[in-house]
PDB file of all heavy atoms in Angstrom:
ATOM      1  N   ASN A   1     -55.870 -84.238 -18.529  1.00  0.00           N
ATOM      2  CA  ASN A   1     -54.843 -83.594 -17.710  1.00  0.00           C
ATOM      3  C   ASN A   1     -54.367 -84.515 -16.600  1.00  0.00           C
ATOM      4  O   ASN A   1     -53.166 -84.616 -16.346  1.00  0.00           O
ATOM      5  CB  ASN A   1     -55.376 -82.279 -17.125  1.00  0.00           C
ATOM      6  CG  ASN A   1     -55.088 -81.107 -18.019  1.00  0.00           C
ATOM      7  OD1 ASN A   1     -54.018 -80.527 -17.955  1.00  0.00           O
ATOM      8  ND2 ASN A   1     -56.036 -80.776 -18.883  1.00  0.00           N
ATOM      9  N   LEU A   2     -55.297 -85.179 -15.949  1.00  0.00           N
ATOM     10  CA  LEU A   2     -54.907 -86.144 -14.924  1.00  0.00           C
ATOM     11  C   LEU A   2     -54.017 -87.229 -15.523  1.00  0.00           C
ATOM     12  O   LEU A   2     -52.996 -87.608 -14.942  1.00  0.00           O
ATOM     13  CB  LEU A   2     -56.138 -86.796 -14.299  1.00  0.00           C
ATOM     14  CG  LEU A   2     -56.937 -85.969 -13.315  1.00  0.00           C
ATOM     15  CD1 LEU A   2     -58.199 -86.726 -12.907  1.00  0.00           C
ATOM     16  CD2 LEU A   2     -56.106 -85.616 -12.096  1.00  0.00           C
ATOM     17  N   ASN A   3     -54.424 -87.710 -16.685  1.00  0.00           N
ATOM     18  CA  ASN A   3     -53.703 -88.811 -17.326  1.00  0.00           C
ATOM     19  C   ASN A   3     -52.273 -88.442 -17.718  1.00  0.00           C
ATOM     20  O   ASN A   3     -51.410 -89.318 -17.772  1.00  0.00           O
ATOM     21  CB  ASN A   3     -54.465 -89.313 -18.552  1.00  0.00           C
ATOM     22  CG  ASN A   3     -55.783 -89.963 -18.189  1.00  0.00           C
ATOM     23  OD1 ASN A   3     -56.063 -90.246 -17.028  1.00  0.00           O
ATOM     24  ND2 ASN A   3     -56.612 -90.189 -19.192  1.00  0.00           N
ATOM     25  N   VAL A   4     -52.020 -87.165 -18.015  1.00  0.00           N
ATOM     26  CA  VAL A   4     -50.662 -86.764 -18.398  1.00  0.00           C
ATOM     27  C   VAL A   4     -49.863 -86.203 -17.226  1.00  0.00           C
ATOM     28  O   VAL A   4     -48.718 -85.787 -17.396  1.00  0.00           O
ATOM     29  CB  VAL A   4     -50.645 -85.761 -19.588  1.00  0.00           C
ATOM     30  CG1 VAL A   4     -51.262 -86.381 -20.820  1.00  0.00           C
ATOM     31  CG2 VAL A   4     -51.289 -84.438 -19.220  1.00  0.00           C
ATOM     32  N   GLY A   5     -50.470 -86.182 -16.023  1.00  0.00           N
ATOM     33  CA  GLY A   5     -49.716 -85.810 -14.834  1.00  0.00           C
ATOM     34  C   GLY A   5     -50.013 -84.451 -14.237  1.00  0.00           C
ATOM     35  O   GLY A   5     -49.326 -84.032 -13.296  1.00  0.00           O
ATOM     36  N   ASN A   6     -51.001 -83.737 -14.742  1.00  0.00           N
ATOM     37  CA  ASN A   6     -51.397 -82.473 -14.113  1.00  0.00           C
ATOM     38  C   ASN A   6     -52.410 -82.785 -13.013  1.00  0.00           C
ATOM     39  O   ASN A   6     -53.362 -83.513 -13.243  1.00  0.00           O
ATOM     40  CB  ASN A   6     -52.020 -81.519 -15.140  1.00  0.00           C
ATOM     41  CG  ASN A   6     -50.997 -80.980 -16.106  1.00  0.00           C
ATOM     42  OD1 ASN A   6     -49.874 -80.682 -15.730  1.00  0.00           O
ATOM     43  ND2 ASN A   6     -51.379 -80.853 -17.365  1.00  0.00           N
ATOM     44  N   ASP A   7     -52.196 -82.227 -11.831  1.00  0.00           N
ATOM     45  CA  ASP A   7     -53.122 -82.503 -10.729  1.00  0.00           C
ATOM     46  C   ASP A   7     -54.230 -81.447 -10.668  1.00  0.00           C
ATOM     47  O   ASP A   7     -54.222 -80.456 -11.407  1.00  0.00           O
ATOM     48  CB  ASP A   7     -52.378 -82.620  -9.398  1.00  0.00           C
ATOM     49  CG  ASP A   7     -51.660 -81.341  -8.981  1.00  0.00           C
ATOM     50  OD1 ASP A   7     -51.933 -80.259  -9.548  1.00  0.00           O
ATOM     51  OD2 ASP A   7     -50.822 -81.431  -8.071  1.00  0.00           O
ATOM     52  N   LYS A   8     -55.179 -81.678  -9.776  1.00  0.00           N
ATOM     53  CA  LYS A   8     -56.336 -80.792  -9.649  1.00  0.00           C
ATOM     54  C   LYS A   8     -55.907 -79.365  -9.317  1.00  0.00           C
ATOM     55  O   LYS A   8     -56.456 -78.408  -9.877  1.00  0.00           O
ATOM     56  CB  LYS A   8     -57.294 -81.336  -8.583  1.00  0.00           C
ATOM     57  CG  LYS A   8     -58.572 -80.534  -8.454  1.00  0.00           C
ATOM     58  CD  LYS A   8     -59.548 -81.181  -7.486  1.00  0.00           C
ATOM     59  CE  LYS A   8     -60.860 -80.414  -7.449  1.00  0.00           C
ATOM     60  NZ  LYS A   8     -61.855 -81.067  -6.576  1.00  0.00           N
ATOM     61  N   GLU A   9     -54.949 -79.210  -8.417  1.00  0.00           N
ATOM     62  CA  GLU A   9     -54.511 -77.869  -8.028  1.00  0.00           C
ATOM     63  C   GLU A   9     -53.904 -77.108  -9.198  1.00  0.00           C
ATOM     64  O   GLU A   9     -54.111 -75.900  -9.337  1.00  0.00           O
ATOM     65  CB  GLU A   9     -53.537 -77.941  -6.849  1.00  0.00           C
ATOM     66  CG  GLU A   9     -54.188 -78.398  -5.552  1.00  0.00           C
ATOM     67  CD  GLU A   9     -55.449 -77.603  -5.185  1.00  0.00           C
ATOM     68  OE1 GLU A   9     -55.408 -76.348  -5.210  1.00  0.00           O
ATOM     69  OE2 GLU A   9     -56.474 -78.235  -4.892  1.00  0.00           O
ATOM     70  N   THR A  10     -53.170 -77.802 -10.060  1.00  0.00           N
ATOM     71  CA  THR A  10     -52.595 -77.160 -11.242  1.00  0.00           C
ATOM     72  C   THR A  10     -53.706 -76.685 -12.166  1.00  0.00           C
ATOM     73  O   THR A  10     -53.660 -75.560 -12.681  1.00  0.00           O
ATOM     74  CB  THR A  10     -51.660 -78.142 -11.980  1.00  0.00           C
ATOM     75  OG1 THR A  10     -50.600 -78.507 -11.107  1.00  0.00           O
ATOM     76  CG2 THR A  10     -51.104 -77.531 -13.254  1.00  0.00           C
ATOM     77  N   MET A  11     -54.725 -77.532 -12.366  1.00  0.00           N
ATOM     78  CA  MET A  11     -55.845 -77.143 -13.223  1.00  0.00           C
ATOM     79  C   MET A  11     -56.594 -75.954 -12.644  1.00  0.00           C
ATOM     80  O   MET A  11     -56.941 -75.015 -13.364  1.00  0.00           O
ATOM     81  CB  MET A  11     -56.782 -78.329 -13.440  1.00  0.00           C
ATOM     82  CG  MET A  11     -56.198 -79.402 -14.330  1.00  0.00           C
ATOM     83  SD  MET A  11     -57.363 -80.759 -14.586  1.00  0.00           S
ATOM     84  CE  MET A  11     -56.586 -82.032 -13.589  1.00  0.00           C
ATOM     85  N   ILE A  12     -56.849 -75.982 -11.329  1.00  0.00           N
ATOM     86  CA  ILE A  12     -57.560 -74.874 -10.690  1.00  0.00           C
ATOM     87  C   ILE A  12     -56.737 -73.587 -10.805  1.00  0.00           C
ATOM     88  O   ILE A  12     -57.282 -72.512 -11.084  1.00  0.00           O
ATOM     89  CB  ILE A  12     -57.890 -75.207  -9.222  1.00  0.00           C
ATOM     90  CG1 ILE A  12     -58.952 -76.313  -9.172  1.00  0.00           C
ATOM     91  CG2 ILE A  12     -58.355 -73.965  -8.463  1.00  0.00           C
ATOM     92  CD1 ILE A  12     -59.212 -76.874  -7.779  1.00  0.00           C
ATOM     93  N   SER A  13     -55.433 -73.683 -10.620  1.00  0.00           N
ATOM     94  CA  SER A  13     -54.569 -72.498 -10.741  1.00  0.00           C
ATOM     95  C   SER A  13     -54.613 -71.924 -12.159  1.00  0.00           C
ATOM     96  O   SER A  13     -54.683 -70.701 -12.337  1.00  0.00           O
ATOM     97  CB  SER A  13     -53.127 -72.849 -10.370  1.00  0.00           C
ATOM     98  OG  SER A  13     -53.045 -73.176  -9.009  1.00  0.00           O
ATOM     99  N   ALA A  14     -54.577 -72.788 -13.159  1.00  0.00           N
ATOM    100  CA  ALA A  14     -54.615 -72.323 -14.549  1.00  0.00           C
ATOM    101  C   ALA A  14     -55.965 -71.690 -14.880  1.00  0.00           C
ATOM    102  O   ALA A  14     -56.029 -70.637 -15.527  1.00  0.00           O
ATOM    103  CB  ALA A  14     -54.319 -73.491 -15.493  1.00  0.00           C
ATOM    104  N   ILE A  15     -57.045 -72.316 -14.431  1.00  0.00           N
ATOM    105  CA  ILE A  15     -58.380 -71.767 -14.670  1.00  0.00           C
ATOM    106  C   ILE A  15     -58.531 -70.433 -13.934  1.00  0.00           C
ATOM    107  O   ILE A  15     -59.093 -69.475 -14.485  1.00  0.00           O
ATOM    108  CB  ILE A  15     -59.467 -72.785 -14.268  1.00  0.00           C
ATOM    109  CG1 ILE A  15     -59.441 -73.979 -15.230  1.00  0.00           C
ATOM    110  CG2 ILE A  15     -60.847 -72.139 -14.230  1.00  0.00           C
ATOM    111  CD1 ILE A  15     -60.223 -75.185 -14.750  1.00  0.00           C
ATOM    112  N   THR A  16     -58.019 -70.359 -12.717  1.00  0.00           N
ATOM    113  CA  THR A  16     -58.066 -69.110 -11.951  1.00  0.00           C
ATOM    114  C   THR A  16     -57.328 -67.999 -12.691  1.00  0.00           C
ATOM    115  O   THR A  16     -57.788 -66.860 -12.755  1.00  0.00           O
ATOM    116  CB  THR A  16     -57.467 -69.310 -10.546  1.00  0.00           C
ATOM    117  OG1 THR A  16     -58.210 -70.324  -9.866  1.00  0.00           O
ATOM    118  CG2 THR A  16     -57.496 -68.023  -9.738  1.00  0.00           C
ATOM    119  N   HIS A  17     -56.183 -68.336 -13.259  1.00  0.00           N
ATOM    120  CA  HIS A  17     -55.424 -67.349 -14.035  1.00  0.00           C
ATOM    121  C   HIS A  17     -56.261 -66.827 -15.206  1.00  0.00           C
ATOM    122  O   HIS A  17     -56.154 -65.653 -15.581  1.00  0.00           O
ATOM    123  CB  HIS A  17     -54.116 -67.948 -14.544  1.00  0.00           C
ATOM    124  CG  HIS A  17     -53.343 -66.987 -15.380  1.00  0.00           C
ATOM    125  ND1 HIS A  17     -52.669 -65.909 -14.843  1.00  0.00           N
ATOM    126  CD2 HIS A  17     -53.175 -66.903 -16.726  1.00  0.00           C
ATOM    127  CE1 HIS A  17     -52.107 -65.221 -15.819  1.00  0.00           C
ATOM    128  NE2 HIS A  17     -52.400 -65.803 -16.965  1.00  0.00           N
ATOM    129  N   GLY A  18     -57.105 -67.659 -15.776  1.00  0.00           N
ATOM    130  CA  GLY A  18     -57.943 -67.256 -16.908  1.00  0.00           C
ATOM    131  C   GLY A  18     -59.157 -66.429 -16.524  1.00  0.00           C
ATOM    132  O   GLY A  18     -59.805 -65.834 -17.395  1.00  0.00           O
ATOM    133  N   LEU A  19     -59.486 -66.363 -15.243  1.00  0.00           N
ATOM    134  CA  LEU A  19     -60.692 -65.674 -14.778  1.00  0.00           C
ATOM    135  C   LEU A  19     -60.878 -64.274 -15.358  1.00  0.00           C
ATOM    136  O   LEU A  19     -61.943 -63.959 -15.889  1.00  0.00           O
ATOM    137  CB  LEU A  19     -60.733 -65.646 -13.248  1.00  0.00           C
ATOM    138  CG  LEU A  19     -61.846 -64.822 -12.599  1.00  0.00           C
ATOM    139  CD1 LEU A  19     -63.215 -65.356 -12.990  1.00  0.00           C
ATOM    140  CD2 LEU A  19     -61.689 -64.810 -11.092  1.00  0.00           C
ATOM    141  N   PRO A  20     -59.878 -63.390 -15.315  1.00  0.00           N
ATOM    142  CA  PRO A  20     -60.129 -62.048 -15.834  1.00  0.00           C
ATOM    143  C   PRO A  20     -60.391 -62.008 -17.334  1.00  0.00           C
ATOM    144  O   PRO A  20     -60.970 -61.057 -17.840  1.00  0.00           O
ATOM    145  CB  PRO A  20     -58.856 -61.263 -15.495  1.00  0.00           C
ATOM    146  CG  PRO A  20     -57.894 -62.218 -14.916  1.00  0.00           C
ATOM    147  CD  PRO A  20     -58.546 -63.537 -14.735  1.00  0.00           C
ATOM    148  N   TYR A  21     -59.995 -63.046 -18.038  1.00  0.00           N
ATOM    149  CA  TYR A  21     -60.164 -63.081 -19.491  1.00  0.00           C
ATOM    150  C   TYR A  21     -61.444 -63.789 -19.910  1.00  0.00           C
ATOM    151  O   TYR A  21     -62.040 -63.475 -20.924  1.00  0.00           O
ATOM    152  CB  TYR A  21     -58.954 -63.773 -20.144  1.00  0.00           C
ATOM    153  CG  TYR A  21     -57.666 -63.171 -19.665  1.00  0.00           C
ATOM    154  CD1 TYR A  21     -56.900 -63.801 -18.687  1.00  0.00           C
ATOM    155  CD2 TYR A  21     -57.238 -61.946 -20.155  1.00  0.00           C
ATOM    156  CE1 TYR A  21     -55.729 -63.226 -18.224  1.00  0.00           C
ATOM    157  CE2 TYR A  21     -56.064 -61.363 -19.698  1.00  0.00           C
ATOM    158  CZ  TYR A  21     -55.322 -62.008 -18.731  1.00  0.00           C
ATOM    159  OH  TYR A  21     -54.177 -61.434 -18.270  1.00  0.00           O
ATOM    160  N   MET A  22     -61.873 -64.780 -19.126  1.00  0.00           N
ATOM    161  CA  MET A  22     -63.042 -65.566 -19.521  1.00  0.00           C
ATOM    162  C   MET A  22     -64.276 -65.290 -18.684  1.00  0.00           C
ATOM    163  O   MET A  22     -65.355 -65.721 -19.034  1.00  0.00           O
ATOM    164  CB  MET A  22     -62.723 -67.055 -19.567  1.00  0.00           C
ATOM    165  CG  MET A  22     -62.280 -67.711 -18.302  1.00  0.00           C
ATOM    166  SD  MET A  22     -61.621 -69.357 -18.681  1.00  0.00           S
ATOM    167  CE  MET A  22     -62.044 -70.240 -17.217  1.00  0.00           C
ATOM    168  N   GLY A  23     -64.127 -64.588 -17.571  1.00  0.00           N
ATOM    169  CA  GLY A  23     -65.265 -64.203 -16.760  1.00  0.00           C
ATOM    170  C   GLY A  23     -65.669 -65.264 -15.751  1.00  0.00           C
ATOM    171  O   GLY A  23     -65.245 -66.423 -15.818  1.00  0.00           O
ATOM    172  N   PHE A  24     -66.509 -64.837 -14.815  1.00  0.00           N
ATOM    173  CA  PHE A  24     -66.944 -65.728 -13.744  1.00  0.00           C
ATOM    174  C   PHE A  24     -67.818 -66.892 -14.237  1.00  0.00           C
ATOM    175  O   PHE A  24     -67.598 -68.027 -13.804  1.00  0.00           O
ATOM    176  CB  PHE A  24     -67.673 -64.952 -12.640  1.00  0.00           C
ATOM    177  CG  PHE A  24     -66.726 -64.305 -11.677  1.00  0.00           C
ATOM    178  CD1 PHE A  24     -66.396 -62.966 -11.811  1.00  0.00           C
ATOM    179  CD2 PHE A  24     -66.156 -65.037 -10.646  1.00  0.00           C
ATOM    180  CE1 PHE A  24     -65.514 -62.361 -10.916  1.00  0.00           C
ATOM    181  CE2 PHE A  24     -65.273 -64.441  -9.758  1.00  0.00           C
ATOM    182  CZ  PHE A  24     -64.951 -63.100  -9.894  1.00  0.00           C
ATOM    183  N   PRO A  25     -68.807 -66.668 -15.114  1.00  0.00           N
ATOM    184  CA  PRO A  25     -69.649 -67.806 -15.504  1.00  0.00           C
ATOM    185  C   PRO A  25     -68.858 -68.967 -16.107  1.00  0.00           C
ATOM    186  O   PRO A  25     -69.048 -70.122 -15.717  1.00  0.00           O
ATOM    187  CB  PRO A  25     -70.623 -67.207 -16.525  1.00  0.00           C
ATOM    188  CG  PRO A  25     -70.731 -65.770 -16.133  1.00  0.00           C
ATOM    189  CD  PRO A  25     -69.332 -65.404 -15.671  1.00  0.00           C
ATOM    190  N   ARG A  26     -67.933 -68.673 -17.012  1.00  0.00           N
ATOM    191  CA  ARG A  26     -67.160 -69.753 -17.638  1.00  0.00           C
ATOM    192  C   ARG A  26     -66.137 -70.341 -16.675  1.00  0.00           C
ATOM    193  O   ARG A  26     -65.861 -71.537 -16.716  1.00  0.00           O
ATOM    194  CB  ARG A  26     -66.527 -69.255 -18.933  1.00  0.00           C
ATOM    195  CG  ARG A  26     -67.623 -69.039 -19.970  1.00  0.00           C
ATOM    196  CD  ARG A  26     -67.139 -68.614 -21.284  1.00  0.00           C
ATOM    197  NE  ARG A  26     -68.299 -68.534 -22.181  1.00  0.00           N
ATOM    198  CZ  ARG A  26     -68.314 -67.882 -23.295  1.00  0.00           C
ATOM    199  NH1 ARG A  26     -67.233 -67.249 -23.702  1.00  0.00           N
ATOM    200  NH2 ARG A  26     -69.396 -67.854 -24.044  1.00  0.00           N
ATOM    201  N   THR A  27     -65.601 -69.515 -15.805  1.00  0.00           N
ATOM    202  CA  THR A  27     -64.685 -70.033 -14.783  1.00  0.00           C
ATOM    203  C   THR A  27     -65.425 -70.988 -13.852  1.00  0.00           C
ATOM    204  O   THR A  27     -64.933 -72.088 -13.555  1.00  0.00           O
ATOM    205  CB  THR A  27     -64.061 -68.879 -13.985  1.00  0.00           C
ATOM    206  OG1 THR A  27     -63.312 -68.055 -14.884  1.00  0.00           O
ATOM    207  CG2 THR A  27     -63.155 -69.401 -12.880  1.00  0.00           C
ATOM    208  N   LEU A  28     -66.593 -70.574 -13.392  1.00  0.00           N
ATOM    209  CA  LEU A  28     -67.375 -71.437 -12.503  1.00  0.00           C
ATOM    210  C   LEU A  28     -67.813 -72.720 -13.199  1.00  0.00           C
ATOM    211  O   LEU A  28     -67.808 -73.798 -12.592  1.00  0.00           O
ATOM    212  CB  LEU A  28     -68.580 -70.672 -11.954  1.00  0.00           C
ATOM    213  CG  LEU A  28     -68.228 -69.506 -11.020  1.00  0.00           C
ATOM    214  CD1 LEU A  28     -69.469 -68.685 -10.699  1.00  0.00           C
ATOM    215  CD2 LEU A  28     -67.538 -69.990  -9.760  1.00  0.00           C
ATOM    216  N   ASN A  29     -68.175 -72.624 -14.471  1.00  0.00           N
ATOM    217  CA  ASN A  29     -68.523 -73.833 -15.227  1.00  0.00           C
ATOM    218  C   ASN A  29     -67.328 -74.771 -15.330  1.00  0.00           C
ATOM    219  O   ASN A  29     -67.467 -75.993 -15.173  1.00  0.00           O
ATOM    220  CB  ASN A  29     -69.016 -73.477 -16.635  1.00  0.00           C
ATOM    221  CG  ASN A  29     -70.388 -72.860 -16.635  1.00  0.00           C
ATOM    222  OD1 ASN A  29     -71.118 -72.917 -15.649  1.00  0.00           O
ATOM    223  ND2 ASN A  29     -70.747 -72.249 -17.748  1.00  0.00           N
ATOM    224  N   ALA A  30     -66.153 -74.214 -15.586  1.00  0.00           N
ATOM    225  CA  ALA A  30     -64.942 -75.040 -15.677  1.00  0.00           C
ATOM    226  C   ALA A  30     -64.647 -75.720 -14.353  1.00  0.00           C
ATOM    227  O   ALA A  30     -64.323 -76.919 -14.308  1.00  0.00           O
ATOM    228  CB  ALA A  30     -63.755 -74.193 -16.126  1.00  0.00           C
ATOM    229  N   LEU A  31     -64.759 -74.961 -13.252  1.00  0.00           N
ATOM    230  CA  LEU A  31     -64.516 -75.550 -11.939  1.00  0.00           C
ATOM    231  C   LEU A  31     -65.532 -76.636 -11.618  1.00  0.00           C
ATOM    232  O   LEU A  31     -65.188 -77.658 -11.008  1.00  0.00           O
ATOM    233  CB  LEU A  31     -64.526 -74.465 -10.863  1.00  0.00           C
ATOM    234  CG  LEU A  31     -63.364 -73.480 -10.934  1.00  0.00           C
ATOM    235  CD1 LEU A  31     -63.562 -72.358  -9.923  1.00  0.00           C
ATOM    236  CD2 LEU A  31     -62.031 -74.172 -10.754  1.00  0.00           C
ATOM    237  N   SER A  32     -66.765 -76.444 -12.048  1.00  0.00           N
ATOM    238  CA  SER A  32     -67.787 -77.472 -11.867  1.00  0.00           C
ATOM    239  C   SER A  32     -67.397 -78.753 -12.609  1.00  0.00           C
ATOM    240  O   SER A  32     -67.549 -79.857 -12.078  1.00  0.00           O
ATOM    241  CB  SER A  32     -69.140 -76.950 -12.372  1.00  0.00           C
ATOM    242  OG  SER A  32     -70.120 -77.945 -12.266  1.00  0.00           O
ATOM    243  N   CYS A  33     -66.871 -78.613 -13.809  1.00  0.00           N
ATOM    244  CA  CYS A  33     -66.406 -79.777 -14.577  1.00  0.00           C
ATOM    245  C   CYS A  33     -65.247 -80.457 -13.869  1.00  0.00           C
ATOM    246  O   CYS A  33     -65.203 -81.692 -13.776  1.00  0.00           O
ATOM    247  CB  CYS A  33     -65.988 -79.359 -15.987  1.00  0.00           C
ATOM    248  SG  CYS A  33     -67.349 -78.836 -17.047  1.00  0.00           S
ATOM    249  N   VAL A  34     -64.291 -79.663 -13.372  1.00  0.00           N
ATOM    250  CA  VAL A  34     -63.154 -80.225 -12.643  1.00  0.00           C
ATOM    251  C   VAL A  34     -63.648 -80.996 -11.427  1.00  0.00           C
ATOM    252  O   VAL A  34     -63.237 -82.137 -11.175  1.00  0.00           O
ATOM    253  CB  VAL A  34     -62.155 -79.114 -12.219  1.00  0.00           C
ATOM    254  CG1 VAL A  34     -61.117 -79.657 -11.250  1.00  0.00           C
ATOM    255  CG2 VAL A  34     -61.489 -78.504 -13.440  1.00  0.00           C
ATOM    256  N   ASN A  35     -64.576 -80.388 -10.672  1.00  0.00           N
ATOM    257  CA  ASN A  35     -65.068 -81.043  -9.455  1.00  0.00           C
ATOM    258  C   ASN A  35     -65.914 -82.279  -9.743  1.00  0.00           C
ATOM    259  O   ASN A  35     -65.949 -83.197  -8.920  1.00  0.00           O
ATOM    260  CB  ASN A  35     -65.853 -80.035  -8.611  1.00  0.00           C
ATOM    261  CG  ASN A  35     -64.945 -79.040  -7.945  1.00  0.00           C
ATOM    262  OD1 ASN A  35     -63.837 -79.365  -7.529  1.00  0.00           O
ATOM    263  ND2 ASN A  35     -65.397 -77.809  -7.861  1.00  0.00           N
ATOM    264  N   GLU A  36     -66.557 -82.312 -10.894  1.00  0.00           N
ATOM    265  CA  GLU A  36     -67.312 -83.518 -11.261  1.00  0.00           C
ATOM    266  C   GLU A  36     -66.380 -84.681 -11.543  1.00  0.00           C
ATOM    267  O   GLU A  36     -66.638 -85.818 -11.153  1.00  0.00           O
ATOM    268  CB  GLU A  36     -68.196 -83.248 -12.478  1.00  0.00           C
ATOM    269  CG  GLU A  36     -69.080 -84.412 -12.849  1.00  0.00           C
ATOM    270  CD  GLU A  36     -70.006 -84.113 -13.998  1.00  0.00           C
ATOM    271  OE1 GLU A  36     -70.495 -82.980 -14.125  1.00  0.00           O
ATOM    272  OE2 GLU A  36     -70.230 -85.050 -14.810  1.00  0.00           O
ATOM    273  N   ILE A  37     -65.279 -84.399 -12.230  1.00  0.00           N
ATOM    274  CA  ILE A  37     -64.321 -85.454 -12.575  1.00  0.00           C
ATOM    275  C   ILE A  37     -63.423 -85.786 -11.380  1.00  0.00           C
ATOM    276  O   ILE A  37     -63.074 -86.951 -11.166  1.00  0.00           O
ATOM    277  CB  ILE A  37     -63.470 -85.028 -13.798  1.00  0.00           C
ATOM    278  CG1 ILE A  37     -64.358 -84.736 -15.008  1.00  0.00           C
ATOM    279  CG2 ILE A  37     -62.423 -86.097 -14.133  1.00  0.00           C
ATOM    280  CD1 ILE A  37     -65.254 -85.875 -15.450  1.00  0.00           C
ATOM    281  N   ILE A  38     -63.072 -84.781 -10.589  1.00  0.00           N
ATOM    282  CA  ILE A  38     -62.195 -84.979  -9.429  1.00  0.00           C
ATOM    283  C   ILE A  38     -62.913 -84.390  -8.213  1.00  0.00           C
ATOM    284  O   ILE A  38     -62.662 -83.231  -7.832  1.00  0.00           O
ATOM    285  CB  ILE A  38     -60.831 -84.276  -9.612  1.00  0.00           C
ATOM    286  CG1 ILE A  38     -60.250 -84.512 -10.998  1.00  0.00           C
ATOM    287  CG2 ILE A  38     -59.857 -84.738  -8.527  1.00  0.00           C
ATOM    288  CD1 ILE A  38     -59.107 -83.573 -11.341  1.00  0.00           C
ATOM    289  N   PRO A  39     -63.798 -85.138  -7.586  1.00  0.00           N
ATOM    290  CA  PRO A  39     -64.549 -84.603  -6.439  1.00  0.00           C
ATOM    291  C   PRO A  39     -63.609 -84.213  -5.291  1.00  0.00           C
ATOM    292  O   PRO A  39     -62.545 -84.800  -5.103  1.00  0.00           O
ATOM    293  CB  PRO A  39     -65.443 -85.764  -6.019  1.00  0.00           C
ATOM    294  CG  PRO A  39     -65.483 -86.688  -7.187  1.00  0.00           C
ATOM    295  CD  PRO A  39     -64.179 -86.513  -7.912  1.00  0.00           C
ATOM    296  N   GLU A  40     -64.043 -83.214  -4.539  1.00  0.00           N
ATOM    297  CA  GLU A  40     -63.292 -82.821  -3.348  1.00  0.00           C
ATOM    298  C   GLU A  40     -63.350 -83.959  -2.342  1.00  0.00           C
ATOM    299  O   GLU A  40     -64.346 -84.682  -2.260  1.00  0.00           O
ATOM    300  CB  GLU A  40     -63.910 -81.560  -2.715  1.00  0.00           C
ATOM    301  CG  GLU A  40     -63.647 -80.295  -3.497  1.00  0.00           C
ATOM    302  CD  GLU A  40     -62.170 -79.915  -3.537  1.00  0.00           C
ATOM    303  OE1 GLU A  40     -61.511 -79.930  -2.490  1.00  0.00           O
ATOM    304  OE2 GLU A  40     -61.690 -79.590  -4.646  1.00  0.00           O
TER     305      GLU A  40
END
């Protein structure tokens, strides 16, 4: 996503949108992956 021009905020927004469908555990795991690749 970074390589094609999507920034961290766009990824977080998309993952947040998925929260009601995928649940907190998978959302938190996804955010952990995002933060590992793109640290705060």
